[in-house]
PDB file of N, CA and C in Angstrom:
ATOM      1  N   UNK A   1     -81.314  57.865  14.407  1.00  0.00           N
ATOM      2  CA  UNK A   1     -82.692  57.457  14.227  1.00  0.00           C
ATOM      3  C   UNK A   1     -83.573  58.302  15.151  1.00  0.00           C
ATOM      4  N   UNK A   2     -84.681  58.762  14.642  1.00  0.00           N
ATOM      5  CA  UNK A   2     -85.610  59.563  15.425  1.00  0.00           C
ATOM      6  C   UNK A   2     -86.380  58.701  16.412  1.00  0.00           C
ATOM      7  N   UNK A   3     -86.624  59.253  17.583  1.00  0.00           N
ATOM      8  CA  UNK A   3     -87.458  58.559  18.559  1.00  0.00           C
ATOM      9  C   UNK A   3     -88.909  58.935  18.333  1.00  0.00           C
ATOM     10  N   UNK A   4     -89.790  57.972  18.541  1.00  0.00           N
ATOM     11  CA  UNK A   4     -91.224  58.220  18.434  1.00  0.00           C
ATOM     12  C   UNK A   4     -91.777  58.516  19.819  1.00  0.00           C
ATOM     13  N   UNK A   5     -92.798  59.366  19.865  1.00  0.00           N
ATOM     14  CA  UNK A   5     -93.406  59.714  21.149  1.00  0.00           C
ATOM     15  C   UNK A   5     -94.914  59.772  21.003  1.00  0.00           C
ATOM     16  N   UNK A   6     -95.602  59.515  22.095  1.00  0.00           N
ATOM     17  CA  UNK A   6     -97.054  59.618  22.139  1.00  0.00           C
ATOM     18  C   UNK A   6     -97.445  61.080  21.930  1.00  0.00           C
ATOM     19  N   UNK A   7     -98.368  61.345  21.006  1.00  0.00           N
ATOM     20  CA  UNK A   7     -98.757  62.737  20.776  1.00  0.00           C
ATOM     21  C   UNK A   7     -99.515  63.348  21.957  1.00  0.00           C
ATOM     22  N   UNK A   8    -100.049  62.506  22.822  1.00  0.00           N
ATOM     23  CA  UNK A   8    -100.835  63.017  23.956  1.00  0.00           C
ATOM     24  C   UNK A   8     -99.968  63.245  25.198  1.00  0.00           C
ATOM     25  N   UNK A   9     -99.200  62.222  25.599  1.00  0.00           N
ATOM     26  CA  UNK A   9     -98.428  62.344  26.847  1.00  0.00           C
ATOM     27  C   UNK A   9     -96.931  62.546  26.606  1.00  0.00           C
ATOM     28  N   UNK A  10     -96.479  62.385  25.369  1.00  0.00           N
ATOM     29  CA  UNK A  10     -95.088  62.606  24.952  1.00  0.00           C
ATOM     30  C   UNK A  10     -94.101  61.587  25.510  1.00  0.00           C
ATOM     31  N   UNK A  11     -94.589  60.436  25.992  1.00  0.00           N
ATOM     32  CA  UNK A  11     -93.684  59.369  26.411  1.00  0.00           C
ATOM     33  C   UNK A  11     -93.092  58.703  25.182  1.00  0.00           C
ATOM     34  N   UNK A  12     -91.875  58.226  25.307  1.00  0.00           N
ATOM     35  CA  UNK A  12     -91.204  57.541  24.211  1.00  0.00           C
ATOM     36  C   UNK A  12     -91.919  56.231  23.886  1.00  0.00           C
ATOM     37  N   UNK A  13     -92.068  55.939  22.597  1.00  0.00           N
ATOM     38  CA  UNK A  13     -92.737  54.713  22.154  1.00  0.00           C
ATOM     39  C   UNK A  13     -91.804  53.908  21.256  1.00  0.00           C
ATOM     40  N   UNK A  14     -91.747  52.589  21.444  1.00  0.00           N
ATOM     41  CA  UNK A  14     -90.949  51.759  20.536  1.00  0.00           C
ATOM     42  C   UNK A  14     -91.598  51.717  19.159  1.00  0.00           C
ATOM     43  N   UNK A  15     -90.797  51.562  18.124  1.00  0.00           N
ATOM     44  CA  UNK A  15     -91.313  51.555  16.749  1.00  0.00           C
ATOM     45  C   UNK A  15     -92.308  50.423  16.500  1.00  0.00           C
ATOM     46  N   UNK A  16     -92.172  49.305  17.202  1.00  0.00           N
ATOM     47  CA  UNK A  16     -93.087  48.172  17.012  1.00  0.00           C
ATOM     48  C   UNK A  16     -94.532  48.532  17.314  1.00  0.00           C
ATOM     49  N   UNK A  17     -94.742  49.538  18.141  1.00  0.00           N
ATOM     50  CA  UNK A  17     -96.101  49.938  18.515  1.00  0.00           C
ATOM     51  C   UNK A  17     -96.924  50.286  17.282  1.00  0.00           C
ATOM     52  N   UNK A  18     -96.307  50.873  16.298  1.00  0.00           N
ATOM     53  CA  UNK A  18     -97.048  51.319  15.106  1.00  0.00           C
ATOM     54  C   UNK A  18     -97.352  50.172  14.160  1.00  0.00           C
ATOM     55  N   UNK A  19     -96.698  49.023  14.343  1.00  0.00           N
ATOM     56  CA  UNK A  19     -96.883  47.897  13.430  1.00  0.00           C
ATOM     57  C   UNK A  19     -97.835  46.834  13.977  1.00  0.00           C
ATOM     58  N   UNK A  20     -98.167  46.885  15.242  1.00  0.00           N
ATOM     59  CA  UNK A  20     -99.002  45.864  15.869  1.00  0.00           C
ATOM     60  C   UNK A  20    -100.373  46.429  16.212  1.00  0.00           C
ATOM     61  N   UNK A  21    -101.414  45.566  16.215  1.00  0.00           N
ATOM     62  CA  UNK A  21    -102.726  46.050  16.661  1.00  0.00           C
ATOM     63  C   UNK A  21    -102.665  46.375  18.162  1.00  0.00           C
ATOM     64  N   UNK A  22    -103.324  47.431  18.554  1.00  0.00           N
ATOM     65  CA  UNK A  22    -103.274  47.882  19.940  1.00  0.00           C
ATOM     66  C   UNK A  22    -104.574  47.606  20.677  1.00  0.00           C
ATOM     67  N   UNK A  23    -104.459  47.424  21.966  1.00  0.00           N
ATOM     68  CA  UNK A  23    -105.627  47.322  22.846  1.00  0.00           C
ATOM     69  C   UNK A  23    -105.341  48.206  24.054  1.00  0.00           C
ATOM     70  N   UNK A  24    -106.287  49.031  24.407  1.00  0.00           N
ATOM     71  CA  UNK A  24    -106.128  49.923  25.552  1.00  0.00           C
ATOM     72  C   UNK A  24    -107.085  49.507  26.657  1.00  0.00           C
ATOM     73  N   UNK A  25    -106.600  49.525  27.883  1.00  0.00           N
ATOM     74  CA  UNK A  25    -107.403  49.208  29.057  1.00  0.00           C
ATOM     75  C   UNK A  25    -107.224  50.334  30.063  1.00  0.00           C
ATOM     76  N   UNK A  26    -108.304  50.760  30.647  1.00  0.00           N
ATOM     77  CA  UNK A  26    -108.237  51.795  31.684  1.00  0.00           C
ATOM     78  C   UNK A  26    -108.359  51.141  33.049  1.00  0.00           C
ATOM     79  N   UNK A  27    -107.520  51.565  33.963  1.00  0.00           N
ATOM     80  CA  UNK A  27    -107.578  51.090  35.339  1.00  0.00           C
ATOM     81  C   UNK A  27    -107.876  52.308  36.201  1.00  0.00           C
ATOM     82  N   UNK A  28    -109.027  52.284  36.832  1.00  0.00           N
ATOM     83  CA  UNK A  28    -109.474  53.422  37.631  1.00  0.00           C
ATOM     84  C   UNK A  28    -109.488  53.075  39.104  1.00  0.00           C
ATOM     85  N   UNK A  29    -109.234  54.056  39.937  1.00  0.00           N
ATOM     86  CA  UNK A  29    -109.310  53.854  41.374  1.00  0.00           C
ATOM     87  C   UNK A  29    -108.815  55.075  42.110  1.00  0.00           C
ATOM     88  N   UNK A  30    -109.168  55.151  43.353  1.00  0.00           N
ATOM     89  CA  UNK A  30    -108.734  56.281  44.173  1.00  0.00           C
ATOM     90  C   UNK A  30    -107.234  56.162  44.449  1.00  0.00           C
ATOM     91  N   UNK A  31    -106.600  57.246  44.875  1.00  0.00           N
ATOM     92  CA  UNK A  31    -105.170  57.190  45.189  1.00  0.00           C
ATOM     93  C   UNK A  31    -104.870  56.091  46.216  1.00  0.00           C
ATOM     94  N   UNK A  32    -103.786  55.395  46.001  1.00  0.00           N
ATOM     95  CA  UNK A  32    -103.310  54.331  46.901  1.00  0.00           C
ATOM     96  C   UNK A  32    -104.279  53.167  47.021  1.00  0.00           C
ATOM     97  N   UNK A  33    -105.065  52.909  45.967  1.00  0.00           N
ATOM     98  CA  UNK A  33    -106.012  51.787  46.024  1.00  0.00           C
ATOM     99  C   UNK A  33    -105.433  50.500  45.446  1.00  0.00           C
ATOM    100  N   UNK A  34    -104.194  50.544  44.925  1.00  0.00           N
ATOM    101  CA  UNK A  34    -103.550  49.334  44.425  1.00  0.00           C
ATOM    102  C   UNK A  34    -103.542  49.190  42.915  1.00  0.00           C
ATOM    103  N   UNK A  35    -103.762  50.271  42.183  1.00  0.00           N
ATOM    104  CA  UNK A  35    -103.794  50.202  40.714  1.00  0.00           C
ATOM    105  C   UNK A  35    -102.461  49.714  40.149  1.00  0.00           C
ATOM    106  N   UNK A  36    -101.360  50.247  40.643  1.00  0.00           N
ATOM    107  CA  UNK A  36    -100.043  49.854  40.135  1.00  0.00           C
ATOM    108  C   UNK A  36     -99.731  48.406  40.476  1.00  0.00           C
ATOM    109  N   UNK A  37    -100.087  47.972  41.677  1.00  0.00           N
ATOM    110  CA  UNK A  37     -99.871  46.573  42.058  1.00  0.00           C
ATOM    111  C   UNK A  37    -100.742  45.641  41.216  1.00  0.00           C
ATOM    112  N   UNK A  38    -101.983  46.035  40.966  1.00  0.00           N
ATOM    113  CA  UNK A  38    -102.869  45.245  40.113  1.00  0.00           C
ATOM    114  C   UNK A  38    -102.277  45.112  38.715  1.00  0.00           C
ATOM    115  N   UNK A  39    -101.794  46.214  38.164  1.00  0.00           N
ATOM    116  CA  UNK A  39    -101.220  46.194  36.822  1.00  0.00           C
ATOM    117  C   UNK A  39     -99.973  45.320  36.768  1.00  0.00           C
ATOM    118  N   UNK A  40     -99.073  45.463  37.734  1.00  0.00           N
ATOM    119  CA  UNK A  40     -97.854  44.655  37.700  1.00  0.00           C
ATOM    120  C   UNK A  40     -98.155  43.176  37.938  1.00  0.00           C
ATOM    121  N   UNK A  41     -99.119  42.850  38.802  1.00  0.00           N
ATOM    122  CA  UNK A  41     -99.500  41.447  39.014  1.00  0.00           C
ATOM    123  C   UNK A  41    -100.143  40.869  37.757  1.00  0.00           C
ATOM    124  N   UNK A  42    -100.954  41.658  37.072  1.00  0.00           N
ATOM    125  CA  UNK A  42    -101.593  41.203  35.829  1.00  0.00           C
ATOM    126  C   UNK A  42    -100.558  40.944  34.745  1.00  0.00           C
ATOM    127  N   UNK A  43     -99.591  41.829  34.616  1.00  0.00           N
ATOM    128  CA  UNK A  43     -98.541  41.640  33.609  1.00  0.00           C
ATOM    129  C   UNK A  43     -97.685  40.422  33.930  1.00  0.00           C
ATOM    130  N   UNK A  44     -97.400  40.213  35.207  1.00  0.00           N
ATOM    131  CA  UNK A  44     -96.632  39.035  35.610  1.00  0.00           C
ATOM    132  C   UNK A  44     -97.395  37.759  35.241  1.00  0.00           C
ATOM    133  N   UNK A  45     -98.709  37.750  35.510  1.00  0.00           N
ATOM    134  CA  UNK A  45     -99.535  36.596  35.158  1.00  0.00           C
ATOM    135  C   UNK A  45     -99.531  36.368  33.648  1.00  0.00           C
ATOM    136  N   UNK A  46     -99.665  37.432  32.867  1.00  0.00           N
ATOM    137  CA  UNK A  46     -99.652  37.284  31.407  1.00  0.00           C
ATOM    138  C   UNK A  46     -98.343  36.671  30.931  1.00  0.00           C
ATOM    139  N   UNK A  47     -97.218  37.168  31.441  1.00  0.00           N
ATOM    140  CA  UNK A  47     -95.922  36.613  31.028  1.00  0.00           C
ATOM    141  C   UNK A  47     -95.830  35.136  31.385  1.00  0.00           C
ATOM    142  N   UNK A  48     -96.355  34.756  32.539  1.00  0.00           N
ATOM    143  CA  UNK A  48     -96.288  33.367  32.991  1.00  0.00           C
ATOM    144  C   UNK A  48     -97.241  32.469  32.202  1.00  0.00           C
ATOM    145  N   UNK A  49     -98.502  32.842  32.133  1.00  0.00           N
ATOM    146  CA  UNK A  49     -99.527  31.991  31.516  1.00  0.00           C
ATOM    147  C   UNK A  49     -99.373  31.898  30.003  1.00  0.00           C
ATOM    148  N   UNK A  50     -99.101  33.015  29.341  1.00  0.00           N
ATOM    149  CA  UNK A  50     -98.974  32.971  27.883  1.00  0.00           C
ATOM    150  C   UNK A  50     -97.832  32.062  27.453  1.00  0.00           C
ATOM    151  N   UNK A  51     -96.746  32.080  28.206  1.00  0.00           N
ATOM    152  CA  UNK A  51     -95.623  31.212  27.876  1.00  0.00           C
ATOM    153  C   UNK A  51     -95.909  29.746  28.137  1.00  0.00           C
ATOM    154  N   UNK A  52     -96.487  29.443  29.293  1.00  0.00           N
ATOM    155  CA  UNK A  52     -96.736  28.052  29.676  1.00  0.00           C
ATOM    156  C   UNK A  52     -97.841  27.405  28.855  1.00  0.00           C
ATOM    157  N   UNK A  53     -98.943  28.087  28.681  1.00  0.00           N
ATOM    158  CA  UNK A  53    -100.120  27.469  28.069  1.00  0.00           C
ATOM    159  C   UNK A  53    -100.226  27.662  26.566  1.00  0.00           C
ATOM    160  N   UNK A  54     -99.638  28.743  26.054  1.00  0.00           N
ATOM    161  CA  UNK A  54     -99.823  29.043  24.639  1.00  0.00           C
ATOM    162  C   UNK A  54     -98.523  29.163  23.862  1.00  0.00           C
ATOM    163  N   UNK A  55     -97.390  29.052  24.539  1.00  0.00           N
ATOM    164  CA  UNK A  55     -96.105  29.159  23.867  1.00  0.00           C
ATOM    165  C   UNK A  55     -95.856  30.539  23.278  1.00  0.00           C
ATOM    166  N   UNK A  56     -96.435  31.560  23.899  1.00  0.00           N
ATOM    167  CA  UNK A  56     -96.295  32.930  23.408  1.00  0.00           C
ATOM    168  C   UNK A  56     -95.352  33.683  24.334  1.00  0.00           C
ATOM    169  N   UNK A  57     -94.431  34.406  23.757  1.00  0.00           N
ATOM    170  CA  UNK A  57     -93.514  35.220  24.534  1.00  0.00           C
ATOM    171  C   UNK A  57     -94.134  36.596  24.765  1.00  0.00           C
ATOM    172  N   UNK A  58     -94.174  37.021  25.996  1.00  0.00           N
ATOM    173  CA  UNK A  58     -94.729  38.326  26.374  1.00  0.00           C
ATOM    174  C   UNK A  58     -93.602  39.104  27.025  1.00  0.00           C
ATOM    175  N   UNK A  59     -93.034  40.044  26.283  1.00  0.00           N
ATOM    176  CA  UNK A  59     -91.890  40.796  26.777  1.00  0.00           C
ATOM    177  C   UNK A  59     -92.129  42.285  26.624  1.00  0.00           C
ATOM    178  N   UNK A  60     -91.377  43.056  27.371  1.00  0.00           N
ATOM    179  CA  UNK A  60     -91.451  44.506  27.257  1.00  0.00           C
ATOM    180  C   UNK A  60     -90.841  44.958  25.939  1.00  0.00           C
ATOM    181  N   UNK A  61     -91.555  45.804  25.236  1.00  0.00           N
ATOM    182  CA  UNK A  61     -90.976  46.430  24.049  1.00  0.00           C
ATOM    183  C   UNK A  61     -89.953  47.470  24.482  1.00  0.00           C
ATOM    184  N   UNK A  62     -90.163  48.055  25.639  1.00  0.00           N
ATOM    185  CA  UNK A  62     -89.256  49.069  26.167  1.00  0.00           C
ATOM    186  C   UNK A  62     -89.122  48.881  27.681  1.00  0.00           C
ATOM    187  N   UNK A  63     -88.174  48.035  28.113  1.00  0.00           N
ATOM    188  CA  UNK A  63     -88.028  47.751  29.545  1.00  0.00           C
ATOM    189  C   UNK A  63     -87.754  48.992  30.390  1.00  0.00           C
ATOM    190  N   UNK A  64     -87.108  49.985  29.815  1.00  0.00           N
ATOM    191  CA  UNK A  64     -86.812  51.203  30.573  1.00  0.00           C
ATOM    192  C   UNK A  64     -88.101  51.927  30.937  1.00  0.00           C
ATOM    193  N   UNK A  65     -89.044  51.987  29.999  1.00  0.00           N
ATOM    194  CA  UNK A  65     -90.314  52.666  30.258  1.00  0.00           C
ATOM    195  C   UNK A  65     -91.132  51.926  31.314  1.00  0.00           C
ATOM    196  N   UNK A  66     -90.974  50.611  31.407  1.00  0.00           N
ATOM    197  CA  UNK A  66     -91.753  49.814  32.357  1.00  0.00           C
ATOM    198  C   UNK A  66     -90.996  49.506  33.642  1.00  0.00           C
ATOM    199  N   UNK A  67     -89.873  50.156  33.833  1.00  0.00           N
ATOM    200  CA  UNK A  67     -89.048  49.897  35.017  1.00  0.00           C
ATOM    201  C   UNK A  67     -89.834  50.078  36.315  1.00  0.00           C
ATOM    202  N   UNK A  68     -90.655  51.109  36.395  1.00  0.00           N
ATOM    203  CA  UNK A  68     -91.427  51.374  37.610  1.00  0.00           C
ATOM    204  C   UNK A  68     -92.361  50.212  37.936  1.00  0.00           C
ATOM    205  N   UNK A  69     -93.025  49.651  36.901  1.00  0.00           N
ATOM    206  CA  UNK A  69     -93.915  48.512  37.136  1.00  0.00           C
ATOM    207  C   UNK A  69     -93.142  47.306  37.648  1.00  0.00           C
ATOM    208  N   UNK A  70     -91.943  47.077  37.102  1.00  0.00           N
ATOM    209  CA  UNK A  70     -91.153  45.922  37.530  1.00  0.00           C
ATOM    210  C   UNK A  70     -90.701  46.054  38.981  1.00  0.00           C
ATOM    211  N   UNK A  71     -90.581  47.279  39.464  1.00  0.00           N
ATOM    212  CA  UNK A  71     -90.213  47.465  40.867  1.00  0.00           C
ATOM    213  C   UNK A  71     -91.293  46.917  41.802  1.00  0.00           C
ATOM    214  N   UNK A  72     -92.544  46.913  41.347  1.00  0.00           N
ATOM    215  CA  UNK A  72     -93.643  46.403  42.170  1.00  0.00           C
ATOM    216  C   UNK A  72     -93.691  44.877  42.189  1.00  0.00           C
ATOM    217  N   UNK A  73     -93.043  44.242  41.227  1.00  0.00           N
ATOM    218  CA  UNK A  73     -93.097  42.785  41.147  1.00  0.00           C
ATOM    219  C   UNK A  73     -92.158  42.172  42.178  1.00  0.00           C
ATOM    220  N   UNK A  74     -92.729  41.627  43.185  1.00  0.00           N
ATOM    221  CA  UNK A  74     -91.979  40.921  44.212  1.00  0.00           C
ATOM    222  C   UNK A  74     -92.347  39.451  44.084  1.00  0.00           C
ATOM    223  N   UNK A  75     -91.401  38.595  43.704  1.00  0.00           N
ATOM    224  CA  UNK A  75     -91.735  37.182  43.500  1.00  0.00           C
ATOM    225  C   UNK A  75     -92.346  36.518  44.732  1.00  0.00           C
ATOM    226  N   UNK A  76     -92.080  37.044  45.919  1.00  0.00           N
ATOM    227  CA  UNK A  76     -92.639  36.457  47.136  1.00  0.00           C
ATOM    228  C   UNK A  76     -94.078  36.895  47.382  1.00  0.00           C
ATOM    229  N   UNK A  77     -94.482  38.015  46.774  1.00  0.00           N
ATOM    230  CA  UNK A  77     -95.828  38.539  47.006  1.00  0.00           C
ATOM    231  C   UNK A  77     -96.819  38.103  45.935  1.00  0.00           C
ATOM    232  N   UNK A  78     -96.313  37.679  44.776  1.00  0.00           N
ATOM    233  CA  UNK A  78     -97.188  37.269  43.679  1.00  0.00           C
ATOM    234  C   UNK A  78     -97.350  35.757  43.668  1.00  0.00           C
ATOM    235  N   UNK A  79     -98.494  35.261  43.142  1.00  0.00           N
ATOM    236  CA  UNK A  79     -98.721  33.801  43.114  1.00  0.00           C
ATOM    237  C   UNK A  79     -97.742  33.082  42.220  1.00  0.00           C
TER     238      UNK A  79
END
């Protein structure tokens, strides 16, 4: 099976990406301002709140691609 990739950055994309509506958000900031921590904390909150309040499962389509973000998730540092 052929792998799909972003035409702009060439990162591998899961096939589900082409079947679902997409939303893009830009996170801007100077180097070392906490952009990655903000993103990982936001994703952790989404996984927690969507499941508890709305019964929606929020999972990685490609856990390998998001491995770096998961490294920032420290259960002791997040609410």
